[in-house]
Each structure stands twice: as structure tokens, then as C-alpha cells.
Amino acid sequence: RSGVARDLSRLPRPSNDYELQLSITDEQRALLQTADGGYKLPLEKDAEALAAQQRAQEEARREQQRKLMTQVMQRGLPRPHQPRRYESEEEDENDPEELLEREKALLVEYDAVTYPKGKPKKSAPVIPLEPVEEGLRIEAAKLLHQQLDEELTRSSYFLRNQNGHNELQDFERYAQECVEVDKDVIFLPNPPRYIYSKTASNTDRLAGTRHAFEVSRNHLAALTAKAAKQESQVQILTAGYQKRAETLTGKLLQQWTEYQEAEMEQKCFETLMANEQVALQQRLTDYGKLLNAEQAREKELQERYRKLQIELADLVEVQKQAEMARRLKTTRRGGVRVEDLSPAERERERQLQEAALRAM
């Protein structure tokens, strides 16, 4: 490495220097000139940073749009299925209640047209709303919260806790009274209104009951269709899992059957082993008695065999002595000469004679 650096240092230095100059206008120079007197080129923003900035702007726009929505849309509260226009026989521009009812009807219709439930059947014109300043909206929200707190404070169902929040004291009593209030009113569909059940006629009761039945049936039909659709989707998504589950269930049942059979066999063998353990001692005792009897009999037979062997030996000896005596007599009488016998017979004859002499 030091040799390469030394060789590079020996190279001649460049003798030709070039300087490039660009002619730009005053507008371009003012655009490129920075505060510290230098120049910079405008660079394009990074794609990721640009996308993040666009997402932030879109989120800010959505948040601003959400703030302009009603509280019903912001909090996802239930809305009427068929909003109706507010109609009053006496229109008074200075009556606060009249203005409030008209504004509520206008907001309900605006939410129904701007944010329809499900697929809109036909395009309806959007109702324009007067713009409200942010400060007025916040002040109105404060007034509403203050009024609500006052109403809850005067109510006998709620109690203010240490944190300043109103809590429901007896939920069961509150729910029971809500049910009683619901029973006291009847909704009539044509025209849509609520009336007290005490003042309702039989025709009104029948119309209210029919409307409640239709609403319940439509709601049940919608839930049934939704459940069938979801069931179909679930079946499509889980068809492979269901088939796999059926296969594994069959294998599991087969293994369980085999396990029960093996358990039954084990219990049978354990019972047999316990019975064999109980019978083993009796068998050992019986076999011990048989063994002792056989040993005694064998001892007796051995003793008898020994005596018989002794008797046999005595008889053989007596027979030999008788034979020797017979031969001796025959020899003395000259029946058989000693010279005619073979050497082995001679030796045997000699032994017989000696035995006969010892016996005498």
C-alpha cells in the first residue's frame, strides 16, 4: 500500500484547469439564492414524505368534516328510517321552540340525505346548512352540557359522585320505569306520531300493534337475510377447515374407540391378574403337598429298589455258588476235563473253586 501511494505521488500534476460558468437570469438567481448568500437547487420531495403529508392533510380534512357533523353521526346514534319534514300550523319566526323544532327537522333530513342508510334509492338534493362558527358551536355545546347536568341533578335517578359525574343509582328501577313509560305510549304510523295508550281507541291500538308487528317482521327478515349471507360467507371461508375437522373427528372417534377397547382389555387382564395372584398361593400350597407326597413316594421306592438290588445280588451269588458246586461235582466225576476248557473258562473255574472253598 505504501508503494502504491509513493507511485501515485510521483505522477505529474494536471496542467489544464477548467472553470465552467453558467449564465442565469436575475429571476433564476433570486430563486436560487439563500439567506446566507449561497445557492441551492429546489429538490423534489421524497415520495414517502409527500405521501405522509397527503395523509396528514386528508386526516385533517376528515377531522374538520367530522366536527361539522351532528352528534348523531359522530357518535353513531340511531336515526329514523323515514325522516319527515317539519310542518307547523302556526309559523312564528320569533318563537324559540318553533325555531328549535325546525332546526332539528332540518338536521335530521340533512343527515338522511347526506349520509343515507344503505344504498340510496335515488339521488336527492343536498340541503344547504348555514355555516356555524367554531366558537359558537363550542359555546352551544357547553350550554347543552350545563343544561343536561342540571336536569340530571334534579332527577331522582342520578347522583353526582366525587369526580363531578352523574351516576345512575338504581338501574333496575330506572329500566322498569322506562318499560312502563314505553307501555303508556303507542306509535301510529299514519300520520307518524305518539299517543297515550289511555286516550287511544281500539282502532289506534290495532294500527299501532300492526305497525309494531310489521317493524318486528321486517327487522327479523333483515336479520335472517344477513345471517344467511354471513353463514354462506363463513361456509365459503371455512369449507376446508370443516372438511379437515370432519376427518380429524372421524380419526378421533376411531382412536377413542380403540382406547376404550384397550382400556377394557387392560381392566380384564388386571382382574385376571388379581384373581391369579389370589389363586397362586393356593396353587403353591397344593403343589407343595404334591411335591412332598412325590418325594416321600420316591424315597420309599428308592429304598425298595435298594433292597431288591441286595436280594438280586444275593440270588446271583447263590446261583454262582450253585453253578460252581455243580461244575465241581461234574469235574470230580470226570464228566469234563480241565484240559478241554479254554483259558478263560479255566480261570473262571479256578475262581469258582476258590469261592466254593472259602464258602465251605
Protein backbone atom coordinates (compact mmCIF):
# COMPACT_ATOMS: atom_id res chain seq x y z
CA ARG A 1 0.00 0.00 0.00
CA SER A 2 2.87 2.38 0.77
CA GLY A 3 4.42 1.54 -2.60
CA VAL A 4 1.21 2.39 -4.44
CA ALA A 5 0.91 5.68 -2.60
CA ARG A 6 4.55 6.50 -3.42
CA ASP A 7 3.99 5.70 -7.12
CA LEU A 8 0.86 7.81 -7.23
CA SER A 9 2.70 10.77 -5.69
CA ARG A 10 5.24 10.64 -8.50
CA LEU A 11 2.60 11.17 -11.18
CA PRO A 12 2.64 14.61 -12.88
CA ARG A 13 0.07 17.09 -11.67
CA PRO A 14 -2.64 18.29 -14.12
CA SER A 15 -1.68 21.30 -16.08
CA ASN A 16 -5.11 22.17 -17.58
CA ASP A 17 -7.71 23.71 -15.19
CA TYR A 18 -11.23 24.36 -16.42
CA GLU A 19 -13.89 26.56 -14.87
CA LEU A 20 -17.48 26.32 -16.01
CA GLN A 21 -19.76 29.31 -15.77
CA LEU A 22 -23.48 29.32 -16.39
CA SER A 23 -25.34 32.37 -17.48
CA ILE A 24 -28.61 32.73 -15.50
CA THR A 25 -31.11 35.49 -15.27
CA ASP A 26 -31.81 37.66 -12.24
CA GLU A 27 -35.08 35.85 -11.56
CA GLN A 28 -33.32 32.50 -11.51
CA ARG A 29 -30.54 33.92 -9.31
CA ALA A 30 -33.12 35.28 -6.84
CA LEU A 31 -34.86 31.93 -6.81
CA LEU A 32 -31.67 30.00 -6.14
CA GLN A 33 -30.13 32.47 -3.70
CA THR A 34 -30.46 31.60 0.01
CA ALA A 35 -30.33 33.76 3.10
CA ASP A 36 -26.64 33.13 3.76
CA GLY A 37 -25.61 34.28 0.32
CA GLY A 38 -25.17 30.81 -1.20
CA TYR A 39 -27.19 29.00 -3.80
CA LYS A 40 -29.32 25.92 -3.67
CA LEU A 41 -31.34 23.94 -6.15
CA PRO A 42 -35.03 23.20 -5.48
CA LEU A 43 -35.25 19.46 -4.84
CA GLU A 44 -38.35 17.34 -5.24
CA LYS A 45 -39.85 15.98 -2.04
CA ASP A 46 -39.41 12.35 -1.18
CA ALA A 47 -42.33 10.15 -2.26
CA GLU A 48 -42.80 8.76 1.25
CA ALA A 49 -42.69 12.21 2.83
CA LEU A 50 -45.11 13.50 0.21
CA ALA A 51 -47.50 10.57 0.85
CA ALA A 52 -47.28 11.15 4.62
CA GLN A 53 -48.04 14.84 4.11
CA GLN A 54 -51.02 13.98 1.92
CA ARG A 55 -52.29 11.51 4.51
CA ALA A 56 -51.95 14.13 7.23
CA GLN A 57 -53.83 16.67 5.13
CA GLU A 58 -56.56 14.13 4.35
CA GLU A 59 -56.84 13.22 8.04
CA ALA A 60 -57.07 16.89 9.00
CA ARG A 61 -59.77 17.39 6.35
CA ARG A 62 -61.72 14.39 7.64
CA GLU A 63 -61.41 15.60 11.22
CA GLN A 64 -62.65 19.04 10.21
CA GLN A 65 -65.54 17.43 8.31
CA ARG A 66 -66.35 15.21 11.30
CA LYS A 67 -66.54 18.24 13.57
CA LEU A 68 -69.13 19.73 11.22
CA MET A 69 -71.31 16.61 11.54
CA THR A 70 -74.10 16.34 14.05
CA GLN A 71 -73.58 14.48 17.31
CA VAL A 72 -75.84 11.73 16.00
CA MET A 73 -73.40 10.99 13.15
CA GLN A 74 -70.27 11.48 15.26
CA ARG A 75 -71.39 9.08 17.98
CA GLY A 76 -73.23 6.62 15.72
CA LEU A 77 -76.61 7.06 17.41
CA PRO A 78 -79.80 5.55 15.89
CA ARG A 79 -81.63 7.60 13.26
CA PRO A 80 -85.21 7.45 11.95
CA HIS A 81 -85.71 5.27 8.90
CA GLN A 82 -88.06 7.73 7.18
CA PRO A 83 -87.36 11.32 8.26
CA ARG A 84 -90.29 13.64 7.69
CA ARG A 85 -90.36 17.33 7.05
CA TYR A 86 -91.40 19.58 9.89
CA GLU A 87 -94.79 21.16 9.30
CA SER A 88 -96.41 23.56 11.72
CA GLU A 89 -99.77 25.24 11.50
CA GLU A 90 -98.51 28.42 13.18
CA GLU A 91 -95.16 29.69 11.96
CA ASP A 92 -93.61 32.27 14.25
CA GLU A 93 -90.07 33.38 13.38
CA ASN A 94 -89.51 34.70 16.90
CA ASP A 95 -90.66 31.60 18.80
CA PRO A 96 -87.58 29.72 20.12
CA GLU A 97 -89.42 26.40 20.34
CA GLU A 98 -90.59 26.76 16.76
CA LEU A 99 -87.08 27.56 15.55
CA LEU A 100 -85.63 24.67 17.55
CA GLU A 101 -88.11 22.15 16.13
CA ARG A 102 -87.50 23.40 12.61
CA GLU A 103 -83.72 23.18 13.08
CA LYS A 104 -83.97 19.62 14.45
CA ALA A 105 -86.10 18.53 11.49
CA LEU A 106 -83.66 20.20 9.10
CA LEU A 107 -80.67 18.39 10.69
CA VAL A 108 -82.43 15.03 10.60
CA GLU A 109 -83.30 15.48 6.92
CA TYR A 110 -79.77 16.67 6.14
CA ASP A 111 -78.22 13.58 7.77
CA ALA A 112 -80.68 11.33 5.93
CA VAL A 113 -79.83 12.85 2.55
CA THR A 114 -76.09 13.35 3.04
CA TYR A 115 -75.40 10.09 4.90
CA PRO A 116 -78.16 7.69 3.81
CA LYS A 117 -78.60 4.28 5.39
CA GLY A 118 -77.51 1.55 3.00
CA LYS A 119 -77.71 2.26 -0.73
CA PRO A 120 -79.63 5.41 -1.65
CA LYS A 121 -82.60 4.69 -3.89
CA LYS A 122 -82.35 7.96 -5.80
CA SER A 123 -80.11 10.99 -5.68
CA ALA A 124 -81.77 13.66 -3.57
CA PRO A 125 -80.60 17.28 -3.49
CA VAL A 126 -78.34 18.11 -0.56
CA ILE A 127 -79.93 20.59 1.80
CA PRO A 128 -77.58 23.52 2.43
CA LEU A 129 -76.86 24.40 6.03
CA GLU A 130 -75.82 27.75 7.32
CA PRO A 131 -72.16 27.73 8.41
CA VAL A 132 -71.62 27.99 12.16
CA GLU A 133 -68.52 29.48 13.69
CA GLU A 134 -66.33 27.25 15.82
CA GLY A 135 -66.69 29.49 18.87
CA LEU A 136 -70.48 29.49 18.68
CA ARG A 137 -70.54 25.73 18.27
CA ILE A 138 -68.32 25.25 21.34
CA GLU A 139 -70.41 27.69 23.36
CA ALA A 140 -73.61 25.89 22.37
CA ALA A 141 -72.10 22.53 23.37
CA LYS A 142 -71.16 23.98 26.79
CA LEU A 143 -74.70 25.27 27.29
CA LEU A 144 -76.16 21.90 26.36
CA HIS A 145 -73.85 20.05 28.78
CA GLN A 146 -74.69 22.53 31.52
CA GLN A 147 -78.41 22.10 30.92
CA LEU A 148 -78.03 18.31 30.89
CA ASP A 149 -76.10 18.38 34.18
CA GLU A 150 -78.82 20.50 35.76
CA GLU A 151 -81.51 18.10 34.55
CA LEU A 152 -79.59 15.09 35.88
CA THR A 153 -79.00 16.86 39.20
CA ARG A 154 -82.74 17.47 39.61
CA SER A 155 -83.53 13.88 38.63
CA SER A 156 -84.05 11.31 41.37
CA TYR A 157 -82.38 8.57 39.33
CA PHE A 158 -78.89 10.06 39.15
CA LEU A 159 -76.41 11.06 41.84
CA ARG A 160 -73.29 13.19 41.40
CA ASN A 161 -70.11 11.43 42.54
CA GLN A 162 -66.83 12.89 43.84
CA ASN A 163 -65.47 13.42 40.31
CA GLY A 164 -68.45 15.55 39.34
CA HIS A 165 -70.06 12.91 37.09
CA ASN A 166 -73.66 11.77 37.38
CA GLU A 167 -74.12 8.07 38.07
CA LEU A 168 -77.29 6.01 37.89
CA GLN A 169 -78.37 4.90 41.36
CA ASP A 170 -80.82 2.05 40.71
CA PHE A 171 -80.63 0.66 37.19
CA GLU A 172 -83.39 -1.91 37.71
CA ARG A 173 -85.85 0.74 38.89
CA TYR A 174 -84.87 3.02 36.03
CA ALA A 175 -85.28 0.23 33.47
CA GLN A 176 -88.64 -0.79 34.96
CA GLU A 177 -89.98 2.76 34.73
CA CYS A 178 -88.69 3.02 31.15
CA VAL A 179 -90.67 -0.10 30.31
CA GLU A 180 -93.74 1.36 31.99
CA VAL A 181 -93.37 4.60 30.02
CA ASP A 182 -92.98 2.62 26.82
CA LYS A 183 -96.21 0.81 27.60
CA ASP A 184 -98.04 4.09 28.18
CA VAL A 185 -97.42 5.35 24.63
CA ILE A 186 -98.40 3.95 21.22
CA PHE A 187 -96.82 4.85 17.90
CA LEU A 188 -99.18 5.41 14.99
CA PRO A 189 -97.66 5.18 11.51
CA ASN A 190 -100.18 7.32 9.60
CA PRO A 191 -99.50 10.09 10.35
CA PRO A 192 -96.35 9.26 12.36
CA ARG A 193 -97.00 10.28 15.96
CA TYR A 194 -97.07 9.01 19.53
CA ILE A 195 -100.24 8.99 21.62
CA TYR A 196 -101.02 7.88 25.14
CA SER A 197 -102.46 4.39 25.44
CA LYS A 198 -105.09 5.67 27.87
CA THR A 199 -106.59 8.00 25.27
CA ALA A 200 -106.14 5.64 22.28
CA SER A 201 -109.12 3.98 20.68
CA ASN A 202 -109.34 0.38 19.61
CA THR A 203 -108.58 1.36 16.02
CA ASP A 204 -105.43 3.21 17.14
CA ARG A 205 -104.35 0.26 19.25
CA LEU A 206 -104.86 -2.11 16.33
CA ALA A 207 -102.92 0.18 13.97
CA GLY A 208 -100.07 0.52 16.48
CA THR A 209 -99.95 -3.23 17.04
CA ARG A 210 -99.90 -3.92 13.30
CA HIS A 211 -97.14 -1.38 12.78
CA ALA A 212 -95.07 -2.91 15.61
CA PHE A 213 -95.64 -6.36 14.11
CA GLU A 214 -94.56 -5.18 10.64
CA VAL A 215 -91.47 -3.48 12.05
CA SER A 216 -90.55 -6.61 14.01
CA ARG A 217 -91.16 -8.86 10.98
CA ASN A 218 -89.10 -6.65 8.69
CA HIS A 219 -86.35 -6.47 11.26
CA LEU A 220 -86.43 -10.25 11.68
CA ALA A 221 -86.39 -10.76 7.89
CA ALA A 222 -83.42 -8.42 7.56
CA LEU A 223 -81.57 -10.22 10.34
CA THR A 224 -82.40 -13.59 8.75
CA ALA A 225 -81.07 -12.47 5.35
CA LYS A 226 -77.98 -11.02 6.97
CA ALA A 227 -77.42 -14.21 8.97
CA ALA A 228 -77.87 -16.37 5.84
CA LYS A 229 -75.39 -14.21 3.95
CA GLN A 230 -72.87 -14.34 6.77
CA GLU A 231 -73.41 -18.09 7.11
CA SER A 232 -72.73 -18.52 3.38
CA GLN A 233 -69.58 -16.42 3.65
CA VAL A 234 -68.42 -18.33 6.70
CA GLN A 235 -69.10 -21.63 4.94
CA ILE A 236 -67.06 -20.49 1.93
CA LEU A 237 -64.20 -19.34 4.13
CA THR A 238 -64.22 -22.35 6.44
CA ALA A 239 -65.11 -25.15 3.99
CA GLY A 240 -61.58 -26.58 4.08
CA TYR A 241 -61.42 -26.30 7.85
CA GLN A 242 -64.80 -28.04 8.21
CA LYS A 243 -63.68 -30.90 5.98
CA ARG A 244 -60.45 -31.18 7.91
CA ALA A 245 -62.41 -31.07 11.17
CA GLU A 246 -64.71 -33.88 9.98
CA THR A 247 -61.70 -36.01 9.00
CA LEU A 248 -59.98 -35.38 12.32
CA THR A 249 -63.24 -36.01 14.17
CA GLY A 250 -63.58 -39.41 12.48
CA LYS A 251 -59.98 -40.27 13.36
CA LEU A 252 -60.54 -39.05 16.90
CA LEU A 253 -63.64 -41.21 17.29
CA GLN A 254 -61.73 -44.21 15.94
CA GLN A 255 -58.85 -43.57 18.33
CA TRP A 256 -61.33 -43.13 21.19
CA THR A 257 -62.99 -46.46 20.32
CA GLU A 258 -59.61 -48.18 20.22
CA TYR A 259 -58.69 -46.53 23.51
CA GLN A 260 -61.90 -47.77 25.15
CA GLU A 261 -61.28 -51.30 23.84
CA ALA A 262 -57.69 -51.22 25.09
CA GLU A 263 -58.88 -49.89 28.44
CA MET A 264 -61.46 -52.68 28.67
CA GLU A 265 -58.83 -55.28 27.83
CA GLN A 266 -56.49 -53.80 30.42
CA LYS A 267 -59.19 -53.94 33.07
CA CYS A 268 -59.96 -57.57 32.15
CA PHE A 269 -56.29 -58.51 32.33
CA GLU A 270 -55.91 -56.66 35.64
CA THR A 271 -58.91 -58.58 37.02
CA LEU A 272 -57.46 -61.86 35.79
CA MET A 273 -54.08 -60.98 37.29
CA ALA A 274 -55.69 -60.18 40.66
CA ASN A 275 -57.55 -63.49 40.57
CA GLU A 276 -54.35 -65.32 39.60
CA GLN A 277 -52.50 -63.65 42.46
CA VAL A 278 -55.17 -64.85 44.86
CA ALA A 279 -55.15 -68.40 43.40
CA LEU A 280 -51.35 -68.53 43.20
CA GLN A 281 -50.89 -69.11 46.94
CA GLN A 282 -53.41 -71.95 46.96
CA ARG A 283 -51.78 -73.49 43.94
CA LEU A 284 -48.35 -73.21 45.54
CA THR A 285 -49.67 -74.90 48.67
CA ASP A 286 -51.28 -77.69 46.65
CA TYR A 287 -48.16 -78.17 44.53
CA GLY A 288 -46.06 -78.24 47.70
CA LYS A 289 -48.22 -81.03 49.12
CA LEU A 290 -47.98 -82.97 45.87
CA LEU A 291 -44.22 -82.48 45.82
CA ASN A 292 -43.86 -83.74 49.38
CA ALA A 293 -46.03 -86.76 48.54
CA GLU A 294 -43.97 -87.49 45.43
CA GLN A 295 -40.70 -87.10 47.35
CA ALA A 296 -41.93 -89.45 50.05
CA ARG A 297 -43.06 -91.98 47.46
CA GLU A 298 -39.77 -91.66 45.58
CA LYS A 299 -37.85 -92.20 48.80
CA GLU A 300 -39.93 -95.25 49.54
CA LEU A 301 -39.39 -96.61 46.01
CA GLN A 302 -35.67 -95.94 46.23
CA GLU A 303 -35.48 -97.86 49.49
CA ARG A 304 -37.45 -100.72 47.99
CA TYR A 305 -35.21 -100.67 44.92
CA ARG A 306 -32.10 -100.82 47.15
CA LYS A 307 -33.48 -103.85 48.98
CA LEU A 308 -34.38 -105.56 45.74
CA GLN A 309 -30.88 -104.90 44.43
CA ILE A 310 -29.43 -106.50 47.55
CA GLU A 311 -31.71 -109.51 47.16
CA LEU A 312 -30.80 -109.75 43.49
CA ALA A 313 -27.10 -109.67 44.33
CA ASP A 314 -27.63 -112.38 46.92
CA LEU A 315 -29.54 -114.53 44.46
CA VAL A 316 -26.85 -114.09 41.82
CA GLU A 317 -24.21 -115.06 44.33
CA VAL A 318 -26.17 -118.09 45.38
CA GLN A 319 -26.68 -119.03 41.74
CA LYS A 320 -22.95 -118.70 41.09
CA GLN A 321 -22.14 -120.85 44.09
CA ALA A 322 -24.64 -123.46 42.93
CA GLU A 323 -23.18 -123.46 39.45
CA MET A 324 -19.67 -123.74 40.85
CA ALA A 325 -20.65 -126.63 43.03
CA ARG A 326 -22.35 -128.34 40.14
CA ARG A 327 -19.30 -127.95 37.96
CA LEU A 328 -17.02 -129.07 40.74
CA LYS A 329 -19.07 -132.19 41.15
CA THR A 330 -19.03 -132.77 37.45
CA THR A 331 -15.26 -132.35 37.32
CA ARG A 332 -14.74 -134.77 40.19
CA ARG A 333 -16.92 -137.28 38.49
CA GLY A 334 -14.86 -136.92 35.30
CA GLY A 335 -17.51 -135.50 33.14
CA VAL A 336 -15.42 -132.58 31.79
CA ARG A 337 -11.70 -132.45 31.83
CA VAL A 338 -9.86 -129.30 32.73
CA GLU A 339 -7.61 -129.62 29.70
CA ASP A 340 -10.66 -129.37 27.41
CA LEU A 341 -11.62 -125.91 28.77
CA SER A 342 -10.47 -122.61 27.29
CA PRO A 343 -8.10 -120.35 29.24
CA ALA A 344 -10.96 -118.04 30.24
CA GLU A 345 -13.12 -120.93 31.37
CA ARG A 346 -10.17 -122.38 33.24
CA GLU A 347 -9.67 -119.08 35.08
CA ARG A 348 -13.37 -118.88 35.84
CA GLU A 349 -13.40 -122.46 37.01
CA ARG A 350 -10.47 -121.78 39.29
CA GLN A 351 -12.21 -118.74 40.79
CA LEU A 352 -15.37 -120.75 41.39
CA GLN A 353 -13.43 -123.40 43.14
CA GLU A 354 -11.70 -120.86 45.38
CA ALA A 355 -15.04 -119.25 46.19
CA ALA A 356 -16.52 -122.62 46.96
CA LEU A 357 -13.63 -123.43 49.25
CA ARG A 358 -13.98 -120.12 51.07
CA ALA A 359 -17.65 -120.70 51.45
CA MET A 360 -17.03 -124.13 52.97
